[in-house]
Each structure stands twice: as structure tokens, then as C-alpha cells.
Amino acid sequence: MLFSEIKNSFNYLALTLISVASLSLQEVLAQDKAVQLFAHRAGAHEQDENTLEAFQNTYDQGLRGFETDVRITKDGELIIFHDASLERITGQQGIIEEMTAAELRKIKTKKGNSLLFLDELLDFLADKPGLYLELEMKTNQKAYPQPLLEKYCAQLYQAAMAKKPASSTYLFTSFDKRPLQYIKATYPEADLLFITSSPLTKEVVQETLELGVNRVGCNLGGTSRKMVQEAQEAGIFVSLWPGHSVNDFLLGVALGSDYLCSDVPVEVLQYMKEKMPWVKIK
């Protein structure tokens, strides 16, 4: 392990202990709220991210919360892929939005898995009730001008809701405010979450409220328990990221987050069951 990684690990652990120490034992044990653990890209550090294999493996290990990324191909099909470029995951050159679905179906990940399309993921999840799913809209001004953005949003929302089990929660999330604004205006019943790379601050709370959204995803680093409580008192559910380790998850629990992202969700779930079974995890 690199020195910087060791240092970061100790820093997060120290923050976790400080956060927990700020609460009395009675307060910690009295918290009845369940924390929603979800697998970032279906477990980015444990799995071949955003593949059907990753979703199957994490589901089989007991995870019931997932996050994934949705892009649109050149010919209008929705695909599950985080990066615009193919290179990191597949070793090949190419931009998702500049390629056809047929071209992308011929490509494998470095670990030999097929790229996953939205319809395939929705079919896999359709008979699995009680799930939490974040569908991140990977849009930007350059690649998604407004006409394409609106087509993409409508296509994504309609496809997801057509196959969503009644007991599941499907959220539409983005760093880009435009898809959130469009879906809010077009499908007012939609569950939305605004993502920011900032810690949770008063300004972020205000920004979220101005969007008419009641969920926000913020950076774990720099977020305080007091600010989480203020956001929740304003009617906002708080999701914190990144979740690179068990320590990150413990810090998020101590901060009082409603949702916690993890790249190592199976490790987190196993640890919590063995070491802290009194913490309620959805």
C-alpha cells in the first residue's frame, strides 16, 4: 500500500472516531433510522463495474441498493457506462456518444464482459422487489444539447418506470442541473437527487431547494454532522460519497447520512453484520 493511501486511511479513521466520540453512546444506540447502503457502479472496486456480472454478484451477496450511469449511443440506445471514453474499461479507443449500439455490442471489458445496455439491466432488476437504484444521467452541455437532452431524459424515465417494481425506489440523479430540471417539469412525480462534488453546505442546501429536489449527494470530506441535520430539517435526504472503504461508511453513519455510496459494498455489508449488527442497513 502506498504511503498516501495509508495516510488517507488513518485520516478517515480519525475523522470517524472523532465523529462517533461527539455522540453519547445512548445517542448512537438510539438511532432508529436505517442507512441505505448502495453499490457504486455495482461495486466499482470489487467487481467489473457496471456489468451485468457486477449487478448479479452484488445482489447475490445481499446488496439491495445500487448506483449506475446512463449514456446514449449515436443511434439513440441507452447504455450503462461511466466514462465517455471506452479506454479505461475496455482498453479500446472510442467515445460512447459517437458510436452505435451495434459497434458497442462487439466490445468487451478488459475482464471479458459485454457492455451492459439499460434495457438489459432493467430486465434483470424487474423481478427483484424492494430495491434502491440511482440512475445517474451522465450529461454535459457539449455532448447533450437541449434537444438531445430532452430525448434522453424522456427515454430514460419512461423505460425505467415501465419496469420498476412497485416496492422499489428508482432515483434519477445528476451533477448537471438541466436533466433534473427537465424531468422535474415533465414528470413531477419523479424521485430526483442533485449531486455535487462539494461537501454539504448551506449553499448546497439552498441550491437543492431551488431545484425543487429533496435529495442531495455530497462529498463526505468536509461534511459535518450539524450540516447533515440542518439539511434533513429542511426536508432534504442526504447521500454521501465517495465510499472507498469501511471507514468511509462508518464516518457516513456517524454523520447521520440517509444514503451511503460504496465502491466496496460487499466488504462493508459483511463488516457491519459481523462487527456492528445493531446498525440498521437497507
C-alpha atoms as a PDB file:
ATOM      1  CA  MET A   1       0.000   0.000   0.000  1.00  0.00           C
ATOM      2  CA  LEU A   2       1.284   3.485  -0.863  1.00  0.00           C
ATOM      3  CA  PHE A   3       2.148   5.858   1.996  1.00  0.00           C
ATOM      4  CA  SER A   4      -0.502   8.304   0.771  1.00  0.00           C
ATOM      5  CA  GLU A   5      -3.153   5.573   0.900  1.00  0.00           C
ATOM      6  CA  ILE A   6      -2.106   4.627   4.449  1.00  0.00           C
ATOM      7  CA  LYS A   7      -2.210   8.292   5.464  1.00  0.00           C
ATOM      8  CA  ASN A   8      -5.697   8.734   3.949  1.00  0.00           C
ATOM      9  CA  SER A   9      -6.909   5.608   5.711  1.00  0.00           C
ATOM     10  CA  PHE A  10      -5.704   6.903   9.079  1.00  0.00           C
ATOM     11  CA  ASN A  11      -7.202  10.324   8.388  1.00  0.00           C
ATOM     12  CA  TYR A  12     -10.624   8.849   7.647  1.00  0.00           C
ATOM     13  CA  LEU A  13     -10.421   6.570  10.673  1.00  0.00           C
ATOM     14  CA  ALA A  14      -9.515   9.539  12.878  1.00  0.00           C
ATOM     15  CA  LEU A  15     -12.456  11.520  11.493  1.00  0.00           C
ATOM     16  CA  THR A  16     -14.736   8.567  12.106  1.00  0.00           C
ATOM     17  CA  LEU A  17     -13.624   8.225  15.717  1.00  0.00           C
ATOM     18  CA  ILE A  18     -13.965  11.965  16.303  1.00  0.00           C
ATOM     19  CA  SER A  19     -17.457  11.953  14.821  1.00  0.00           C
ATOM     20  CA  VAL A  20     -18.536   8.960  16.875  1.00  0.00           C
ATOM     21  CA  ALA A  21     -16.925  10.407  20.013  1.00  0.00           C
ATOM     22  CA  SER A  22     -19.019  13.541  19.606  1.00  0.00           C
ATOM     23  CA  LEU A  23     -22.118  11.443  20.248  1.00  0.00           C
ATOM     24  CA  SER A  24     -23.018   9.824  23.521  1.00  0.00           C
ATOM     25  CA  LEU A  25     -23.357   6.038  23.492  1.00  0.00           C
ATOM     26  CA  GLN A  26     -27.050   6.480  24.225  1.00  0.00           C
ATOM     27  CA  GLU A  27     -27.439   8.703  21.146  1.00  0.00           C
ATOM     28  CA  VAL A  28     -25.673   6.233  18.873  1.00  0.00           C
ATOM     29  CA  LEU A  29     -27.692   3.241  20.047  1.00  0.00           C
ATOM     30  CA  ALA A  30     -30.949   5.212  19.985  1.00  0.00           C
ATOM     31  CA  GLN A  31     -30.742   5.970  16.281  1.00  0.00           C
ATOM     32  CA  ASP A  32     -33.589   4.009  14.726  1.00  0.00           C
ATOM     33  CA  LYS A  33     -33.065   5.274  11.200  1.00  0.00           C
ATOM     34  CA  ALA A  34     -31.860   2.679   8.714  1.00  0.00           C
ATOM     35  CA  VAL A  35     -28.999   3.670   6.421  1.00  0.00           C
ATOM     36  CA  GLN A  36     -29.342   2.858   2.720  1.00  0.00           C
ATOM     37  CA  LEU A  37     -26.079   1.292   1.535  1.00  0.00           C
ATOM     38  CA  PHE A  38     -25.720   1.260  -2.229  1.00  0.00           C
ATOM     39  CA  ALA A  39     -23.150  -0.250  -4.582  1.00  0.00           C
ATOM     40  CA  HIS A  40     -21.435   2.459  -6.631  1.00  0.00           C
ATOM     41  CA  ARG A  41     -21.332   1.241 -10.251  1.00  0.00           C
ATOM     42  CA  ALA A  42     -22.475  -2.091  -8.764  1.00  0.00           C
ATOM     43  CA  GLY A  43     -19.282  -2.270  -6.670  1.00  0.00           C
ATOM     44  CA  ALA A  44     -16.554  -0.489  -8.624  1.00  0.00           C
ATOM     45  CA  HIS A  45     -13.593  -1.752  -6.555  1.00  0.00           C
ATOM     46  CA  GLU A  46     -14.893  -5.289  -6.094  1.00  0.00           C
ATOM     47  CA  GLN A  47     -16.467  -6.031  -9.479  1.00  0.00           C
ATOM     48  CA  ASP A  48     -16.123  -5.436 -13.213  1.00  0.00           C
ATOM     49  CA  GLU A  49     -18.003  -2.168 -12.812  1.00  0.00           C
ATOM     50  CA  ASN A  50     -21.381  -1.545 -14.445  1.00  0.00           C
ATOM     51  CA  THR A  51     -21.594  -5.018 -15.994  1.00  0.00           C
ATOM     52  CA  LEU A  52     -24.419  -7.497 -15.580  1.00  0.00           C
ATOM     53  CA  GLU A  53     -21.981  -9.762 -13.749  1.00  0.00           C
ATOM     54  CA  ALA A  54     -21.329  -6.984 -11.219  1.00  0.00           C
ATOM     55  CA  PHE A  55     -25.029  -6.470 -10.520  1.00  0.00           C
ATOM     56  CA  GLN A  56     -25.609 -10.208 -10.230  1.00  0.00           C
ATOM     57  CA  ASN A  57     -22.671 -10.728  -7.870  1.00  0.00           C
ATOM     58  CA  THR A  58     -23.520  -7.851  -5.535  1.00  0.00           C
ATOM     59  CA  TYR A  59     -27.195  -8.818  -5.478  1.00  0.00           C
ATOM     60  CA  ASP A  60     -26.277 -12.425  -4.640  1.00  0.00           C
ATOM     61  CA  GLN A  61     -24.119 -11.140  -1.764  1.00  0.00           C
ATOM     62  CA  GLY A  62     -27.119  -9.386  -0.222  1.00  0.00           C
ATOM     63  CA  LEU A  63     -26.949  -5.845  -1.621  1.00  0.00           C
ATOM     64  CA  ARG A  64     -30.278  -4.217  -2.351  1.00  0.00           C
ATOM     65  CA  GLY A  65     -29.023  -0.750  -3.263  1.00  0.00           C
ATOM     66  CA  PHE A  66     -27.237   0.140  -6.494  1.00  0.00           C
ATOM     67  CA  GLU A  67     -25.939   3.138  -8.434  1.00  0.00           C
ATOM     68  CA  THR A  68     -25.155   3.184 -12.120  1.00  0.00           C
ATOM     69  CA  ASP A  69     -24.504   5.532 -15.045  1.00  0.00           C
ATOM     70  CA  VAL A  70     -26.519   6.024 -18.217  1.00  0.00           C
ATOM     71  CA  ARG A  71     -25.350   7.411 -21.567  1.00  0.00           C
ATOM     72  CA  ILE A  72     -26.887   7.447 -25.037  1.00  0.00           C
ATOM     73  CA  THR A  73     -25.326   5.969 -28.166  1.00  0.00           C
ATOM     74  CA  LYS A  74     -25.041   7.726 -31.515  1.00  0.00           C
ATOM     75  CA  ASP A  75     -28.158   5.910 -32.730  1.00  0.00           C
ATOM     76  CA  GLY A  76     -30.227   6.540 -29.607  1.00  0.00           C
ATOM     77  CA  GLU A  77     -29.868   3.474 -27.364  1.00  0.00           C
ATOM     78  CA  LEU A  78     -29.251   3.872 -23.649  1.00  0.00           C
ATOM     79  CA  ILE A  79     -26.141   2.166 -22.288  1.00  0.00           C
ATOM     80  CA  ILE A  80     -24.724   1.642 -18.803  1.00  0.00           C
ATOM     81  CA  PHE A  81     -21.240   3.180 -18.777  1.00  0.00           C
ATOM     82  CA  HIS A  82     -19.481   5.685 -16.542  1.00  0.00           C
ATOM     83  CA  ASP A  83     -16.787   7.267 -18.716  1.00  0.00           C
ATOM     84  CA  ALA A  84     -17.349   8.983 -22.041  1.00  0.00           C
ATOM     85  CA  SER A  85     -14.250   7.163 -23.320  1.00  0.00           C
ATOM     86  CA  LEU A  86     -14.017   3.394 -23.668  1.00  0.00           C
ATOM     87  CA  GLU A  87     -10.319   3.265 -22.831  1.00  0.00           C
ATOM     88  CA  ARG A  88     -10.220   2.705 -19.052  1.00  0.00           C
ATOM     89  CA  ILE A  89     -12.745  -0.121 -19.013  1.00  0.00           C
ATOM     90  CA  THR A  90     -12.163  -1.796 -22.372  1.00  0.00           C
ATOM     91  CA  GLY A  91      -8.650  -0.778 -23.450  1.00  0.00           C
ATOM     92  CA  GLN A  92     -10.078   0.411 -26.763  1.00  0.00           C
ATOM     93  CA  GLN A  93     -10.484   3.853 -28.260  1.00  0.00           C
ATOM     94  CA  GLY A  94     -13.859   5.467 -28.784  1.00  0.00           C
ATOM     95  CA  ILE A  95     -16.474   7.795 -27.283  1.00  0.00           C
ATOM     96  CA  ILE A  96     -19.794   6.253 -26.257  1.00  0.00           C
ATOM     97  CA  GLU A  97     -21.944   9.048 -27.695  1.00  0.00           C
ATOM     98  CA  GLU A  98     -20.103   8.837 -31.037  1.00  0.00           C
ATOM     99  CA  MET A  99     -20.624   5.089 -31.538  1.00  0.00           C
ATOM    100  CA  THR A 100     -23.627   2.986 -32.499  1.00  0.00           C
ATOM    101  CA  ALA A 101     -25.171   0.341 -30.274  1.00  0.00           C
ATOM    102  CA  ALA A 102     -24.118  -2.349 -32.756  1.00  0.00           C
ATOM    103  CA  GLU A 103     -20.494  -1.209 -32.557  1.00  0.00           C
ATOM    104  CA  LEU A 104     -20.582  -1.161 -28.761  1.00  0.00           C
ATOM    105  CA  ARG A 105     -22.120  -4.627 -28.532  1.00  0.00           C
ATOM    106  CA  LYS A 106     -18.998  -6.053 -30.187  1.00  0.00           C
ATOM    107  CA  ILE A 107     -16.744  -4.670 -27.444  1.00  0.00           C
ATOM    108  CA  LYS A 108     -15.798  -6.430 -24.207  1.00  0.00           C
ATOM    109  CA  THR A 109     -14.409  -5.069 -20.963  1.00  0.00           C
ATOM    110  CA  LYS A 110     -10.811  -5.867 -20.052  1.00  0.00           C
ATOM    111  CA  LYS A 111     -12.227  -8.675 -17.897  1.00  0.00           C
ATOM    112  CA  GLY A 112     -14.192 -10.149 -20.786  1.00  0.00           C
ATOM    113  CA  ASN A 113     -17.721  -8.976 -20.030  1.00  0.00           C
ATOM    114  CA  SER A 114     -20.117  -7.477 -22.556  1.00  0.00           C
ATOM    115  CA  LEU A 115     -21.106  -3.841 -22.166  1.00  0.00           C
ATOM    116  CA  LEU A 116     -24.472  -3.536 -20.467  1.00  0.00           C
ATOM    117  CA  PHE A 117     -27.440  -1.735 -22.012  1.00  0.00           C
ATOM    118  CA  LEU A 118     -30.197  -0.130 -19.951  1.00  0.00           C
ATOM    119  CA  ASP A 119     -32.917  -2.491 -21.138  1.00  0.00           C
ATOM    120  CA  GLU A 120     -30.829  -5.481 -20.035  1.00  0.00           C
ATOM    121  CA  LEU A 121     -30.287  -4.021 -16.563  1.00  0.00           C
ATOM    122  CA  LEU A 122     -33.956  -3.119 -16.145  1.00  0.00           C
ATOM    123  CA  ASP A 123     -34.971  -6.646 -17.174  1.00  0.00           C
ATOM    124  CA  PHE A 124     -32.554  -8.092 -14.596  1.00  0.00           C
ATOM    125  CA  LEU A 125     -33.984  -5.913 -11.808  1.00  0.00           C
ATOM    126  CA  ALA A 126     -37.649  -6.196 -12.812  1.00  0.00           C
ATOM    127  CA  ASP A 127     -38.379  -9.313 -10.716  1.00  0.00           C
ATOM    128  CA  LYS A 128     -36.403  -8.142  -7.677  1.00  0.00           C
ATOM    129  CA  PRO A 129     -38.657  -6.080  -5.383  1.00  0.00           C
ATOM    130  CA  GLY A 130     -37.595  -3.638  -2.722  1.00  0.00           C
ATOM    131  CA  LEU A 131     -34.516  -2.229  -4.437  1.00  0.00           C
ATOM    132  CA  TYR A 132     -32.933   1.228  -4.291  1.00  0.00           C
ATOM    133  CA  LEU A 133     -31.481   2.274  -7.657  1.00  0.00           C
ATOM    134  CA  GLU A 134     -29.760   5.516  -8.599  1.00  0.00           C
ATOM    135  CA  LEU A 135     -29.641   6.170 -12.344  1.00  0.00           C
ATOM    136  CA  GLU A 136     -27.033   8.858 -12.884  1.00  0.00           C
ATOM    137  CA  MET A 137     -27.574  10.920 -16.024  1.00  0.00           C
ATOM    138  CA  LYS A 138     -24.070  11.464 -17.471  1.00  0.00           C
ATOM    139  CA  THR A 139     -24.950  14.543 -19.474  1.00  0.00           C
ATOM    140  CA  ASN A 140     -22.996  17.694 -20.268  1.00  0.00           C
ATOM    141  CA  GLN A 141     -23.570  20.815 -22.352  1.00  0.00           C
ATOM    142  CA  LYS A 142     -21.308  19.807 -25.250  1.00  0.00           C
ATOM    143  CA  ALA A 143     -22.394  16.206 -25.859  1.00  0.00           C
ATOM    144  CA  TYR A 144     -26.027  16.708 -24.820  1.00  0.00           C
ATOM    145  CA  PRO A 145     -27.501  19.866 -26.357  1.00  0.00           C
ATOM    146  CA  GLN A 146     -31.043  20.581 -25.189  1.00  0.00           C
ATOM    147  CA  PRO A 147     -32.989  18.645 -27.892  1.00  0.00           C
ATOM    148  CA  LEU A 148     -30.896  15.518 -27.321  1.00  0.00           C
ATOM    149  CA  LEU A 149     -31.014  16.029 -23.562  1.00  0.00           C
ATOM    150  CA  GLU A 150     -34.808  16.065 -23.564  1.00  0.00           C
ATOM    151  CA  LYS A 151     -34.998  12.961 -25.773  1.00  0.00           C
ATOM    152  CA  TYR A 152     -32.527  11.164 -23.497  1.00  0.00           C
ATOM    153  CA  CYS A 153     -34.372  12.122 -20.288  1.00  0.00           C
ATOM    154  CA  ALA A 154     -37.781  11.093 -21.591  1.00  0.00           C
ATOM    155  CA  GLN A 155     -36.430   7.812 -22.923  1.00  0.00           C
ATOM    156  CA  LEU A 156     -34.651   7.016 -19.658  1.00  0.00           C
ATOM    157  CA  TYR A 157     -37.542   7.937 -17.390  1.00  0.00           C
ATOM    158  CA  GLN A 158     -40.159   6.046 -19.393  1.00  0.00           C
ATOM    159  CA  ALA A 159     -38.016   2.925 -19.767  1.00  0.00           C
ATOM    160  CA  ALA A 160     -37.101   2.799 -16.066  1.00  0.00           C
ATOM    161  CA  MET A 161     -40.591   3.426 -14.741  1.00  0.00           C
ATOM    162  CA  ALA A 162     -42.158   0.883 -17.103  1.00  0.00           C
ATOM    163  CA  LYS A 163     -40.133  -1.927 -15.470  1.00  0.00           C
ATOM    164  CA  LYS A 164     -39.743  -0.666 -11.895  1.00  0.00           C
ATOM    165  CA  PRO A 165     -41.198  -2.992  -9.240  1.00  0.00           C
ATOM    166  CA  ALA A 166     -43.823  -1.132  -7.205  1.00  0.00           C
ATOM    167  CA  SER A 167     -41.847  -1.621  -3.976  1.00  0.00           C
ATOM    168  CA  SER A 168     -38.560  -0.321  -5.406  1.00  0.00           C
ATOM    169  CA  THR A 169     -37.225   3.244  -5.390  1.00  0.00           C
ATOM    170  CA  TYR A 170     -35.638   4.462  -8.624  1.00  0.00           C
ATOM    171  CA  LEU A 171     -33.901   7.847  -8.437  1.00  0.00           C
ATOM    172  CA  PHE A 172     -32.742   9.976 -11.359  1.00  0.00           C
ATOM    173  CA  THR A 173     -29.547  11.785 -10.409  1.00  0.00           C
ATOM    174  CA  SER A 174     -27.042  14.165 -11.978  1.00  0.00           C
ATOM    175  CA  PHE A 175     -24.322  16.763 -11.479  1.00  0.00           C
ATOM    176  CA  ASP A 176     -25.905  18.530 -14.461  1.00  0.00           C
ATOM    177  CA  LYS A 177     -28.940  20.561 -13.351  1.00  0.00           C
ATOM    178  CA  ARG A 178     -30.567  20.525 -16.803  1.00  0.00           C
ATOM    179  CA  PRO A 179     -31.842  16.906 -16.776  1.00  0.00           C
ATOM    180  CA  LEU A 180     -33.098  17.350 -13.214  1.00  0.00           C
ATOM    181  CA  GLN A 181     -34.980  20.482 -14.234  1.00  0.00           C
ATOM    182  CA  TYR A 182     -36.435  18.826 -17.338  1.00  0.00           C
ATOM    183  CA  ILE A 183     -37.611  15.700 -15.532  1.00  0.00           C
ATOM    184  CA  LYS A 184     -38.989  17.774 -12.643  1.00  0.00           C
ATOM    185  CA  ALA A 185     -41.049  19.831 -15.074  1.00  0.00           C
ATOM    186  CA  THR A 186     -42.140  16.932 -17.281  1.00  0.00           C
ATOM    187  CA  TYR A 187     -42.577  14.148 -14.722  1.00  0.00           C
ATOM    188  CA  PRO A 188     -43.281  15.904 -11.395  1.00  0.00           C
ATOM    189  CA  GLU A 189     -43.757  12.567  -9.626  1.00  0.00           C
ATOM    190  CA  ALA A 190     -40.129  11.549 -10.324  1.00  0.00           C
ATOM    191  CA  ASP A 191     -37.672  10.953  -7.484  1.00  0.00           C
ATOM    192  CA  LEU A 192     -34.609  13.131  -8.095  1.00  0.00           C
ATOM    193  CA  LEU A 193     -31.209  13.652  -6.477  1.00  0.00           C
ATOM    194  CA  PHE A 194     -28.791  16.502  -7.138  1.00  0.00           C
ATOM    195  CA  ILE A 195     -25.096  15.518  -6.996  1.00  0.00           C
ATOM    196  CA  THR A 196     -22.267  17.885  -6.192  1.00  0.00           C
ATOM    197  CA  SER A 197     -18.551  17.397  -5.581  1.00  0.00           C
ATOM    198  CA  SER A 198     -18.808  19.912  -2.726  1.00  0.00           C
ATOM    199  CA  PRO A 199     -19.218  18.994   0.932  1.00  0.00           C
ATOM    200  CA  LEU A 200     -22.684  19.674   2.304  1.00  0.00           C
ATOM    201  CA  THR A 201     -23.017  23.409   2.995  1.00  0.00           C
ATOM    202  CA  LYS A 202     -25.803  25.936   3.468  1.00  0.00           C
ATOM    203  CA  GLU A 203     -25.264  26.994  -0.149  1.00  0.00           C
ATOM    204  CA  VAL A 204     -25.716  23.414  -1.384  1.00  0.00           C
ATOM    205  CA  VAL A 205     -28.896  23.049   0.667  1.00  0.00           C
ATOM    206  CA  GLN A 206     -30.245  26.261  -0.878  1.00  0.00           C
ATOM    207  CA  GLU A 207     -29.233  25.119  -4.377  1.00  0.00           C
ATOM    208  CA  THR A 208     -31.053  21.824  -3.872  1.00  0.00           C
ATOM    209  CA  LEU A 209     -34.205  23.508  -2.607  1.00  0.00           C
ATOM    210  CA  GLU A 210     -34.189  25.936  -5.543  1.00  0.00           C
ATOM    211  CA  LEU A 211     -34.143  22.942  -7.910  1.00  0.00           C
ATOM    212  CA  GLY A 212     -37.258  21.630  -6.182  1.00  0.00           C
ATOM    213  CA  VAL A 213     -35.370  18.446  -5.275  1.00  0.00           C
ATOM    214  CA  ASN A 214     -35.422  16.797  -1.856  1.00  0.00           C
ATOM    215  CA  ARG A 215     -32.288  14.652  -2.134  1.00  0.00           C
ATOM    216  CA  VAL A 216     -28.653  15.678  -2.425  1.00  0.00           C
ATOM    217  CA  GLY A 217     -25.418  13.725  -2.887  1.00  0.00           C
ATOM    218  CA  CYS A 218     -22.357  15.468  -1.408  1.00  0.00           C
ATOM    219  CA  ASN A 219     -18.704  14.834  -0.736  1.00  0.00           C
ATOM    220  CA  LEU A 220     -18.052  13.054   2.541  1.00  0.00           C
ATOM    221  CA  GLY A 221     -14.889  15.076   3.119  1.00  0.00           C
ATOM    222  CA  GLY A 222     -15.688  18.341   4.855  1.00  0.00           C
ATOM    223  CA  THR A 223     -19.327  17.500   5.622  1.00  0.00           C
ATOM    224  CA  SER A 224     -20.342  17.970   9.264  1.00  0.00           C
ATOM    225  CA  ARG A 225     -22.999  16.220  11.319  1.00  0.00           C
ATOM    226  CA  LYS A 226     -24.527  19.602  12.110  1.00  0.00           C
ATOM    227  CA  MET A 227     -24.920  20.381   8.401  1.00  0.00           C
ATOM    228  CA  VAL A 228     -26.467  16.971   7.722  1.00  0.00           C
ATOM    229  CA  GLN A 229     -29.003  17.641  10.470  1.00  0.00           C
ATOM    230  CA  GLU A 230     -29.775  21.097   9.060  1.00  0.00           C
ATOM    231  CA  ALA A 231     -30.365  19.653   5.588  1.00  0.00           C
ATOM    232  CA  GLN A 232     -32.645  16.955   6.989  1.00  0.00           C
ATOM    233  CA  GLU A 233     -34.577  19.547   8.990  1.00  0.00           C
ATOM    234  CA  ALA A 234     -35.098  21.395   5.681  1.00  0.00           C
ATOM    235  CA  GLY A 235     -36.676  18.229   4.245  1.00  0.00           C
ATOM    236  CA  ILE A 236     -33.648  17.009   2.303  1.00  0.00           C
ATOM    237  CA  PHE A 237     -32.364  13.429   2.335  1.00  0.00           C
ATOM    238  CA  VAL A 238     -28.571  13.317   2.397  1.00  0.00           C
ATOM    239  CA  SER A 239     -26.357  10.933   0.422  1.00  0.00           C
ATOM    240  CA  LEU A 240     -22.583  10.992   0.950  1.00  0.00           C
ATOM    241  CA  TRP A 241     -19.742   9.837  -1.271  1.00  0.00           C
ATOM    242  CA  PRO A 242     -17.113   8.608  -2.090  1.00  0.00           C
ATOM    243  CA  GLY A 243     -17.127   5.324  -0.239  1.00  0.00           C
ATOM    244  CA  HIS A 244     -13.743   3.736  -0.847  1.00  0.00           C
ATOM    245  CA  SER A 245     -13.529   1.828   2.443  1.00  0.00           C
ATOM    246  CA  VAL A 246     -15.355   0.545   5.508  1.00  0.00           C
ATOM    247  CA  ASN A 247     -14.018   3.603   7.358  1.00  0.00           C
ATOM    248  CA  ASP A 248     -15.780   5.884   4.873  1.00  0.00           C
ATOM    249  CA  PHE A 249     -19.032   4.078   5.569  1.00  0.00           C
ATOM    250  CA  LEU A 250     -18.561   4.349   9.340  1.00  0.00           C
ATOM    251  CA  LEU A 251     -17.897   8.062   9.016  1.00  0.00           C
ATOM    252  CA  GLY A 252     -21.057   8.483   6.950  1.00  0.00           C
ATOM    253  CA  VAL A 253     -23.087   6.640   9.590  1.00  0.00           C
ATOM    254  CA  ALA A 254     -21.619   8.857  12.314  1.00  0.00           C
ATOM    255  CA  LEU A 255     -22.524  11.956  10.301  1.00  0.00           C
ATOM    256  CA  GLY A 256     -26.148  10.792  10.127  1.00  0.00           C
ATOM    257  CA  SER A 257     -26.405  10.317   6.361  1.00  0.00           C
ATOM    258  CA  ASP A 258     -29.541   8.745   4.880  1.00  0.00           C
ATOM    259  CA  TYR A 259     -27.772   7.094   1.922  1.00  0.00           C
ATOM    260  CA  LEU A 260     -24.156   5.932   1.657  1.00  0.00           C
ATOM    261  CA  CYS A 261     -22.333   5.111  -1.537  1.00  0.00           C
ATOM    262  CA  SER A 262     -19.647   2.400  -1.541  1.00  0.00           C
ATOM    263  CA  ASP A 263     -17.150   1.019  -4.026  1.00  0.00           C
ATOM    264  CA  VAL A 264     -16.665  -1.948  -1.667  1.00  0.00           C
ATOM    265  CA  PRO A 265     -20.280  -2.666  -0.676  1.00  0.00           C
ATOM    266  CA  VAL A 266     -19.863  -6.403  -0.064  1.00  0.00           C
ATOM    267  CA  GLU A 267     -16.939  -5.750   2.302  1.00  0.00           C
ATOM    268  CA  VAL A 268     -18.970  -3.072   4.095  1.00  0.00           C
ATOM    269  CA  LEU A 269     -22.047  -5.278   4.410  1.00  0.00           C
ATOM    270  CA  GLN A 270     -20.050  -8.206   5.788  1.00  0.00           C
ATOM    271  CA  TYR A 271     -18.154  -5.989   8.239  1.00  0.00           C
ATOM    272  CA  MET A 272     -21.306  -4.355   9.569  1.00  0.00           C
ATOM    273  CA  LYS A 273     -23.065  -7.691  10.036  1.00  0.00           C
ATOM    274  CA  GLU A 274     -20.109  -9.078  11.980  1.00  0.00           C
ATOM    275  CA  LYS A 275     -18.907  -6.032  13.928  1.00  0.00           C
ATOM    276  CA  MET A 276     -21.852  -3.626  14.234  1.00  0.00           C
ATOM    277  CA  PRO A 277     -25.075  -5.614  13.762  1.00  0.00           C
ATOM    278  CA  TRP A 278     -27.086  -3.001  15.674  1.00  0.00           C
ATOM    279  CA  VAL A 279     -26.665  -0.506  12.819  1.00  0.00           C
ATOM    280  CA  LYS A 280     -29.666  -0.881  10.548  1.00  0.00           C
ATOM    281  CA  ILE A 281     -28.732  -1.195   6.875  1.00  0.00           C
ATOM    282  CA  LYS A 282     -31.150  -1.329   3.983  1.00  0.00           C
END
